[in-house]
Amino acid sequence: MKRGVDACLTPTEMKLLSLFMKYPGKVFTRAELVELALGDEFDGYDRAVDNHIKNLRQKIEDDSRNPVYVLTVHGLGYKFGG
């Protein structure tokens, strides 16, 4: 929910958000996110995770350029900060 409006998440975005919320504060590398959220069938590249994170932020953050929920840990990956 963003500003009182329900967000329509894709299955991948939902998997990512669920994973982050299950382990708040844990830093996930791109490779871990590919394995845990995108699955074995994923045949893309690890930077595809960045696009999913960007889309997720646009849907759940009030200001996706200054996120408070899905945070970047520079040089490592992403974590849930909410």
PDB file of N, CA and C in Angstrom:
ATOM      1  N   MET A   1       0.846  -1.171   0.000  1.00  0.00           N
ATOM      2  CA  MET A   1       0.000   0.000   0.000  1.00  0.00           C
ATOM      3  C   MET A   1       0.897   1.241   0.000  1.00  0.00           C
ATOM      4  N   LYS A   2       0.605   2.140  -0.889  1.00  0.00           N
ATOM      5  CA  LYS A   2       1.365   3.384  -1.014  1.00  0.00           C
ATOM      6  C   LYS A   2       0.379   4.535  -0.930  1.00  0.00           C
ATOM      7  N   ARG A   3       0.551   5.361   0.077  1.00  0.00           N
ATOM      8  CA  ARG A   3      -0.342   6.511   0.286  1.00  0.00           C
ATOM      9  C   ARG A   3      -1.808   6.091   0.316  1.00  0.00           C
ATOM     10  N   GLY A   4      -2.070   4.973   0.967  1.00  0.00           N
ATOM     11  CA  GLY A   4      -3.439   4.513   1.133  1.00  0.00           C
ATOM     12  C   GLY A   4      -4.027   3.792  -0.060  1.00  0.00           C
ATOM     13  N   VAL A   5      -3.231   3.575  -1.098  1.00  0.00           N
ATOM     14  CA  VAL A   5      -3.706   2.893  -2.301  1.00  0.00           C
ATOM     15  C   VAL A   5      -2.991   1.549  -2.410  1.00  0.00           C
ATOM     16  N   ASP A   6      -3.765   0.488  -2.628  1.00  0.00           N
ATOM     17  CA  ASP A   6      -3.167  -0.835  -2.781  1.00  0.00           C
ATOM     18  C   ASP A   6      -2.266  -0.874  -4.009  1.00  0.00           C
ATOM     19  N   ALA A   7      -1.128  -1.523  -3.859  1.00  0.00           N
ATOM     20  CA  ALA A   7      -0.196  -1.687  -4.973  1.00  0.00           C
ATOM     21  C   ALA A   7      -0.428  -3.052  -5.606  1.00  0.00           C
ATOM     22  N   CYS A   8      -0.433  -3.095  -6.909  1.00  0.00           N
ATOM     23  CA  CYS A   8      -0.600  -4.344  -7.644  1.00  0.00           C
ATOM     24  C   CYS A   8       0.797  -4.859  -7.999  1.00  0.00           C
ATOM     25  N   LEU A   9       1.261  -5.856  -7.248  1.00  0.00           N
ATOM     26  CA  LEU A   9       2.608  -6.381  -7.448  1.00  0.00           C
ATOM     27  C   LEU A   9       2.591  -7.571  -8.396  1.00  0.00           C
ATOM     28  N   THR A  10       3.651  -7.706  -9.171  1.00  0.00           N
ATOM     29  CA  THR A  10       3.820  -8.893 -10.000  1.00  0.00           C
ATOM     30  C   THR A  10       4.207 -10.051  -9.085  1.00  0.00           C
ATOM     31  N   PRO A  11       4.100 -11.292  -9.559  1.00  0.00           N
ATOM     32  CA  PRO A  11       4.523 -12.426  -8.728  1.00  0.00           C
ATOM     33  C   PRO A  11       5.978 -12.303  -8.265  1.00  0.00           C
ATOM     34  N   THR A  12       6.860 -11.835  -9.133  1.00  0.00           N
ATOM     35  CA  THR A  12       8.269 -11.680  -8.749  1.00  0.00           C
ATOM     36  C   THR A  12       8.434 -10.603  -7.690  1.00  0.00           C
ATOM     37  N   GLU A  13       7.758  -9.482  -7.853  1.00  0.00           N
ATOM     38  CA  GLU A  13       7.827  -8.411  -6.851  1.00  0.00           C
ATOM     39  C   GLU A  13       7.292  -8.898  -5.516  1.00  0.00           C
ATOM     40  N   MET A  14       6.240  -9.690  -5.545  1.00  0.00           N
ATOM     41  CA  MET A  14       5.671 -10.228  -4.308  1.00  0.00           C
ATOM     42  C   MET A  14       6.652 -11.182  -3.633  1.00  0.00           C
ATOM     43  N   LYS A  15       7.322 -12.017  -4.426  1.00  0.00           N
ATOM     44  CA  LYS A  15       8.329 -12.928  -3.864  1.00  0.00           C
ATOM     45  C   LYS A  15       9.459 -12.143  -3.210  1.00  0.00           C
ATOM     46  N   LEU A  16       9.922 -11.102  -3.890  1.00  0.00           N
ATOM     47  CA  LEU A  16      11.000 -10.285  -3.332  1.00  0.00           C
ATOM     48  C   LEU A  16      10.572  -9.622  -2.033  1.00  0.00           C
ATOM     49  N   LEU A  17       9.406  -8.993  -2.041  1.00  0.00           N
ATOM     50  CA  LEU A  17       8.930  -8.302  -0.844  1.00  0.00           C
ATOM     51  C   LEU A  17       8.726  -9.280   0.305  1.00  0.00           C
ATOM     52  N   SER A  18       8.153 -10.439   0.027  1.00  0.00           N
ATOM     53  CA  SER A  18       7.945 -11.451   1.069  1.00  0.00           C
ATOM     54  C   SER A  18       9.273 -11.906   1.659  1.00  0.00           C
ATOM     55  N   LEU A  19      10.254 -12.110   0.801  1.00  0.00           N
ATOM     56  CA  LEU A  19      11.580 -12.530   1.257  1.00  0.00           C
ATOM     57  C   LEU A  19      12.210 -11.465   2.147  1.00  0.00           C
ATOM     58  N   PHE A  20      12.153 -10.219   1.711  1.00  0.00           N
ATOM     59  CA  PHE A  20      12.704  -9.128   2.517  1.00  0.00           C
ATOM     60  C   PHE A  20      12.005  -9.024   3.867  1.00  0.00           C
ATOM     61  N   MET A  21      10.697  -9.140   3.865  1.00  0.00           N
ATOM     62  CA  MET A  21       9.939  -8.990   5.110  1.00  0.00           C
ATOM     63  C   MET A  21      10.156 -10.171   6.054  1.00  0.00           C
ATOM     64  N   LYS A  22      10.431 -11.332   5.497  1.00  0.00           N
ATOM     65  CA  LYS A  22      10.681 -12.519   6.325  1.00  0.00           C
ATOM     66  C   LYS A  22      12.011 -12.395   7.069  1.00  0.00           C
ATOM     67  N   TYR A  23      12.965 -11.705   6.456  1.00  0.00           N
ATOM     68  CA  TYR A  23      14.304 -11.548   7.038  1.00  0.00           C
ATOM     69  C   TYR A  23      14.694 -10.073   7.087  1.00  0.00           C
ATOM     70  N   PRO A  24      13.989  -9.265   7.893  1.00  0.00           N
ATOM     71  CA  PRO A  24      14.303  -7.830   7.948  1.00  0.00           C
ATOM     72  C   PRO A  24      15.739  -7.594   8.417  1.00  0.00           C
ATOM     73  N   GLY A  25      16.414  -6.709   7.722  1.00  0.00           N
ATOM     74  CA  GLY A  25      17.787  -6.375   8.093  1.00  0.00           C
ATOM     75  C   GLY A  25      18.841  -7.249   7.437  1.00  0.00           C
ATOM     76  N   LYS A  26      18.448  -8.425   6.927  1.00  0.00           N
ATOM     77  CA  LYS A  26      19.415  -9.303   6.258  1.00  0.00           C
ATOM     78  C   LYS A  26      19.735  -8.736   4.879  1.00  0.00           C
ATOM     79  N   VAL A  27      21.005  -8.691   4.562  1.00  0.00           N
ATOM     80  CA  VAL A  27      21.437  -8.220   3.250  1.00  0.00           C
ATOM     81  C   VAL A  27      21.472  -9.412   2.295  1.00  0.00           C
ATOM     82  N   PHE A  28      20.758  -9.271   1.181  1.00  0.00           N
ATOM     83  CA  PHE A  28      20.732 -10.298   0.142  1.00  0.00           C
ATOM     84  C   PHE A  28      21.543  -9.821  -1.049  1.00  0.00           C
ATOM     85  N   THR A  29      22.423 -10.672  -1.540  1.00  0.00           N
ATOM     86  CA  THR A  29      23.151 -10.353  -2.766  1.00  0.00           C
ATOM     87  C   THR A  29      22.211 -10.545  -3.956  1.00  0.00           C
ATOM     88  N   ARG A  30      22.606 -10.024  -5.094  1.00  0.00           N
ATOM     89  CA  ARG A  30      21.805 -10.242  -6.304  1.00  0.00           C
ATOM     90  C   ARG A  30      21.672 -11.737  -6.590  1.00  0.00           C
ATOM     91  N   ALA A  31      22.774 -12.467  -6.443  1.00  0.00           N
ATOM     92  CA  ALA A  31      22.748 -13.910  -6.717  1.00  0.00           C
ATOM     93  C   ALA A  31      21.756 -14.621  -5.801  1.00  0.00           C
ATOM     94  N   GLU A  32      21.719 -14.241  -4.531  1.00  0.00           N
ATOM     95  CA  GLU A  32      20.756 -14.852  -3.604  1.00  0.00           C
ATOM     96  C   GLU A  32      19.326 -14.522  -4.010  1.00  0.00           C
ATOM     97  N   LEU A  33      19.089 -13.284  -4.416  1.00  0.00           N
ATOM     98  CA  LEU A  33      17.742 -12.891  -4.827  1.00  0.00           C
ATOM     99  C   LEU A  33      17.319 -13.621  -6.096  1.00  0.00           C
ATOM    100  N   VAL A  34      18.243 -13.808  -7.027  1.00  0.00           N
ATOM    101  CA  VAL A  34      17.930 -14.580  -8.233  1.00  0.00           C
ATOM    102  C   VAL A  34      17.533 -15.993  -7.838  1.00  0.00           C
ATOM    103  N   GLU A  35      18.326 -16.610  -6.979  1.00  0.00           N
ATOM    104  CA  GLU A  35      18.067 -17.994  -6.568  1.00  0.00           C
ATOM    105  C   GLU A  35      16.766 -18.122  -5.782  1.00  0.00           C
ATOM    106  N   LEU A  36      16.553 -17.241  -4.810  1.00  0.00           N
ATOM    107  CA  LEU A  36      15.418 -17.378  -3.898  1.00  0.00           C
ATOM    108  C   LEU A  36      14.106 -16.818  -4.435  1.00  0.00           C
ATOM    109  N   ALA A  37      14.177 -15.770  -5.237  1.00  0.00           N
ATOM    110  CA  ALA A  37      12.938 -15.133  -5.696  1.00  0.00           C
ATOM    111  C   ALA A  37      12.624 -15.404  -7.165  1.00  0.00           C
ATOM    112  N   LEU A  38      13.644 -15.496  -7.991  1.00  0.00           N
ATOM    113  CA  LEU A  38      13.393 -15.689  -9.416  1.00  0.00           C
ATOM    114  C   LEU A  38      13.386 -17.158  -9.808  1.00  0.00           C
ATOM    115  N   GLY A  39      14.066 -17.985  -9.042  1.00  0.00           N
ATOM    116  CA  GLY A  39      13.998 -19.423  -9.264  1.00  0.00           C
ATOM    117  C   GLY A  39      15.016 -19.978 -10.235  1.00  0.00           C
ATOM    118  N   ASP A  40      15.028 -21.302 -10.293  1.00  0.00           N
ATOM    119  CA  ASP A  40      15.985 -22.026 -11.122  1.00  0.00           C
ATOM    120  C   ASP A  40      15.776 -21.796 -12.614  1.00  0.00           C
ATOM    121  N   GLU A  41      14.522 -21.503 -13.012  1.00  0.00           N
ATOM    122  CA  GLU A  41      14.233 -21.322 -14.433  1.00  0.00           C
ATOM    123  C   GLU A  41      14.759 -19.995 -14.966  1.00  0.00           C
ATOM    124  N   PHE A  42      15.145 -19.101 -14.072  1.00  0.00           N
ATOM    125  CA  PHE A  42      15.586 -17.776 -14.496  1.00  0.00           C
ATOM    126  C   PHE A  42      16.802 -17.911 -15.396  1.00  0.00           C
ATOM    127  N   ASP A  43      16.701 -17.315 -16.576  1.00  0.00           N
ATOM    128  CA  ASP A  43      17.766 -17.443 -17.564  1.00  0.00           C
ATOM    129  C   ASP A  43      18.312 -16.072 -17.960  1.00  0.00           C
ATOM    130  N   GLY A  44      18.116 -15.098 -17.092  1.00  0.00           N
ATOM    131  CA  GLY A  44      18.576 -13.747 -17.380  1.00  0.00           C
ATOM    132  C   GLY A  44      19.921 -13.488 -16.735  1.00  0.00           C
ATOM    133  N   TYR A  45      20.137 -12.255 -16.385  1.00  0.00           N
ATOM    134  CA  TYR A  45      21.380 -11.865 -15.738  1.00  0.00           C
ATOM    135  C   TYR A  45      21.048 -11.236 -14.391  1.00  0.00           C
ATOM    136  N   ASP A  46      22.010 -11.194 -13.485  1.00  0.00           N
ATOM    137  CA  ASP A  46      21.719 -10.752 -12.121  1.00  0.00           C
ATOM    138  C   ASP A  46      21.274  -9.297 -12.037  1.00  0.00           C
ATOM    139  N   ARG A  47      21.600  -8.488 -13.019  1.00  0.00           N
ATOM    140  CA  ARG A  47      21.166  -7.087 -13.001  1.00  0.00           C
ATOM    141  C   ARG A  47      19.662  -6.961 -13.227  1.00  0.00           C
ATOM    142  N   ALA A  48      19.015  -8.013 -13.695  1.00  0.00           N
ATOM    143  CA  ALA A  48      17.557  -7.998 -13.836  1.00  0.00           C
ATOM    144  C   ALA A  48      16.907  -7.776 -12.476  1.00  0.00           C
ATOM    145  N   VAL A  49      17.574  -8.221 -11.419  1.00  0.00           N
ATOM    146  CA  VAL A  49      17.069  -8.005 -10.062  1.00  0.00           C
ATOM    147  C   VAL A  49      16.931  -6.509  -9.794  1.00  0.00           C
ATOM    148  N   ASP A  50      17.882  -5.724 -10.271  1.00  0.00           N
ATOM    149  CA  ASP A  50      17.831  -4.276 -10.067  1.00  0.00           C
ATOM    150  C   ASP A  50      16.548  -3.683 -10.647  1.00  0.00           C
ATOM    151  N   ASN A  51      16.135  -4.172 -11.802  1.00  0.00           N
ATOM    152  CA  ASN A  51      14.902  -3.677 -12.415  1.00  0.00           C
ATOM    153  C   ASN A  51      13.682  -4.055 -11.590  1.00  0.00           C
ATOM    154  N   HIS A  52      13.671  -5.274 -11.067  1.00  0.00           N
ATOM    155  CA  HIS A  52      12.557  -5.693 -10.214  1.00  0.00           C
ATOM    156  C   HIS A  52      12.512  -4.852  -8.936  1.00  0.00           C
ATOM    157  N   ILE A  53      13.670  -4.568  -8.366  1.00  0.00           N
ATOM    158  CA  ILE A  53      13.742  -3.742  -7.158  1.00  0.00           C
ATOM    159  C   ILE A  53      13.251  -2.329  -7.466  1.00  0.00           C
ATOM    160  N   LYS A  54      13.674  -1.779  -8.589  1.00  0.00           N
ATOM    161  CA  LYS A  54      13.235  -0.434  -8.993  1.00  0.00           C
ATOM    162  C   LYS A  54      11.718  -0.389  -9.125  1.00  0.00           C
ATOM    163  N   ASN A  55      11.149  -1.382  -9.784  1.00  0.00           N
ATOM    164  CA  ASN A  55       9.697  -1.428  -9.962  1.00  0.00           C
ATOM    165  C   ASN A  55       8.975  -1.599  -8.631  1.00  0.00           C
ATOM    166  N   LEU A  56       9.517  -2.443  -7.769  1.00  0.00           N
ATOM    167  CA  LEU A  56       8.925  -2.652  -6.446  1.00  0.00           C
ATOM    168  C   LEU A  56       8.944  -1.352  -5.647  1.00  0.00           C
ATOM    169  N   ARG A  57      10.066  -0.668  -5.667  1.00  0.00           N
ATOM    170  CA  ARG A  57      10.166   0.610  -4.950  1.00  0.00           C
ATOM    171  C   ARG A  57       9.149   1.624  -5.462  1.00  0.00           C
ATOM    172  N   GLN A  58       8.984   1.694  -6.769  1.00  0.00           N
ATOM    173  CA  GLN A  58       8.026   2.647  -7.335  1.00  0.00           C
ATOM    174  C   GLN A  58       6.608   2.352  -6.864  1.00  0.00           C
ATOM    175  N   LYS A  59       6.339   1.107  -6.552  1.00  0.00           N
ATOM    176  CA  LYS A  59       4.991   0.718  -6.137  1.00  0.00           C
ATOM    177  C   LYS A  59       4.750   0.856  -4.637  1.00  0.00           C
ATOM    178  N   ILE A  60       5.806   0.712  -3.821  1.00  0.00           N
ATOM    179  CA  ILE A  60       5.571   0.703  -2.366  1.00  0.00           C
ATOM    180  C   ILE A  60       6.169   1.886  -1.615  1.00  0.00           C
ATOM    181  N   GLU A  61       7.114   2.568  -2.215  1.00  0.00           N
ATOM    182  CA  GLU A  61       7.773   3.678  -1.529  1.00  0.00           C
ATOM    183  C   GLU A  61       7.075   4.999  -1.855  1.00  0.00           C
ATOM    184  N   ASP A  62       6.973   5.890  -0.876  1.00  0.00           N
ATOM    185  CA  ASP A  62       6.443   7.226  -1.144  1.00  0.00           C
ATOM    186  C   ASP A  62       7.376   8.002  -2.063  1.00  0.00           C
ATOM    187  N   ASP A  63       8.687   7.796  -1.891  1.00  0.00           N
ATOM    188  CA  ASP A  63       9.693   8.430  -2.742  1.00  0.00           C
ATOM    189  C   ASP A  63      10.708   7.355  -3.105  1.00  0.00           C
ATOM    190  N   SER A  64      10.587   6.793  -4.286  1.00  0.00           N
ATOM    191  CA  SER A  64      11.444   5.666  -4.665  1.00  0.00           C
ATOM    192  C   SER A  64      12.921   6.046  -4.763  1.00  0.00           C
ATOM    193  N   ARG A  65      13.220   7.343  -4.849  1.00  0.00           N
ATOM    194  CA  ARG A  65      14.623   7.778  -4.878  1.00  0.00           C
ATOM    195  C   ARG A  65      15.232   7.842  -3.478  1.00  0.00           C
ATOM    196  N   ASN A  66      14.385   7.864  -2.471  1.00  0.00           N
ATOM    197  CA  ASN A  66      14.819   7.859  -1.074  1.00  0.00           C
ATOM    198  C   ASN A  66      14.033   6.789  -0.323  1.00  0.00           C
ATOM    199  N   PRO A  67      14.301   5.520  -0.628  1.00  0.00           N
ATOM    200  CA  PRO A  67      13.502   4.438  -0.056  1.00  0.00           C
ATOM    201  C   PRO A  67      13.713   4.269   1.445  1.00  0.00           C
ATOM    202  N   VAL A  68      12.662   3.799   2.097  1.00  0.00           N
ATOM    203  CA  VAL A  68      12.755   3.469   3.521  1.00  0.00           C
ATOM    204  C   VAL A  68      12.500   1.985   3.758  1.00  0.00           C
ATOM    205  N   TYR A  69      11.959   1.294   2.763  1.00  0.00           N
ATOM    206  CA  TYR A  69      11.648  -0.129   2.922  1.00  0.00           C
ATOM    207  C   TYR A  69      12.694  -1.030   2.268  1.00  0.00           C
ATOM    208  N   VAL A  70      12.883  -0.891   0.987  1.00  0.00           N
ATOM    209  CA  VAL A  70      13.856  -1.718   0.271  1.00  0.00           C
ATOM    210  C   VAL A  70      15.101  -0.865   0.053  1.00  0.00           C
ATOM    211  N   LEU A  71      16.135  -1.193   0.817  1.00  0.00           N
ATOM    212  CA  LEU A  71      17.343  -0.368   0.854  1.00  0.00           C
ATOM    213  C   LEU A  71      18.496  -1.015   0.097  1.00  0.00           C
ATOM    214  N   THR A  72      19.286  -0.194  -0.541  1.00  0.00           N
ATOM    215  CA  THR A  72      20.508  -0.649  -1.195  1.00  0.00           C
ATOM    216  C   THR A  72      21.637  -0.634  -0.181  1.00  0.00           C
ATOM    217  N   VAL A  73      22.373  -1.734  -0.122  1.00  0.00           N
ATOM    218  CA  VAL A  73      23.595  -1.794   0.676  1.00  0.00           C
ATOM    219  C   VAL A  73      24.721  -1.822  -0.355  1.00  0.00           C
ATOM    220  N   HIS A  74      25.324  -0.661  -0.575  1.00  0.00           N
ATOM    221  CA  HIS A  74      26.293  -0.495  -1.662  1.00  0.00           C
ATOM    222  C   HIS A  74      27.410  -1.528  -1.587  1.00  0.00           C
ATOM    223  N   GLY A  75      27.655  -2.149  -2.729  1.00  0.00           N
ATOM    224  CA  GLY A  75      28.697  -3.156  -2.841  1.00  0.00           C
ATOM    225  C   GLY A  75      28.278  -4.533  -2.382  1.00  0.00           C
ATOM    226  N   LEU A  76      27.078  -4.648  -1.781  1.00  0.00           N
ATOM    227  CA  LEU A  76      26.634  -5.942  -1.264  1.00  0.00           C
ATOM    228  C   LEU A  76      25.317  -6.418  -1.863  1.00  0.00           C
ATOM    229  N   GLY A  77      24.278  -5.583  -1.801  1.00  0.00           N
ATOM    230  CA  GLY A  77      22.979  -6.022  -2.292  1.00  0.00           C
ATOM    231  C   GLY A  77      21.853  -5.164  -1.751  1.00  0.00           C
ATOM    232  N   TYR A  78      20.800  -5.834  -1.275  1.00  0.00           N
ATOM    233  CA  TYR A  78      19.601  -5.143  -0.810  1.00  0.00           C
ATOM    234  C   TYR A  78      19.128  -5.733   0.510  1.00  0.00           C
ATOM    235  N   LYS A  79      18.410  -4.900   1.276  1.00  0.00           N
ATOM    236  CA  LYS A  79      17.814  -5.374   2.522  1.00  0.00           C
ATOM    237  C   LYS A  79      16.505  -4.638   2.771  1.00  0.00           C
ATOM    238  N   PHE A  80      15.696  -5.206   3.669  1.00  0.00           N
ATOM    239  CA  PHE A  80      14.436  -4.584   4.068  1.00  0.00           C
ATOM    240  C   PHE A  80      14.699  -3.742   5.301  1.00  0.00           C
ATOM    241  N   GLY A  81      14.334  -2.472   5.222  1.00  0.00           N
ATOM    242  CA  GLY A  81      14.596  -1.574   6.334  1.00  0.00           C
ATOM    243  C   GLY A  81      13.353  -1.096   7.039  1.00  0.00           C
ATOM    244  N   GLY A  82      12.181  -1.576   6.631  1.00  0.00           N
ATOM    245  CA  GLY A  82      10.930  -1.098   7.211  1.00  0.00           C
ATOM    246  C   GLY A  82      10.574  -1.792   8.389  1.00  0.00           C
TER     247      GLY A  82
END
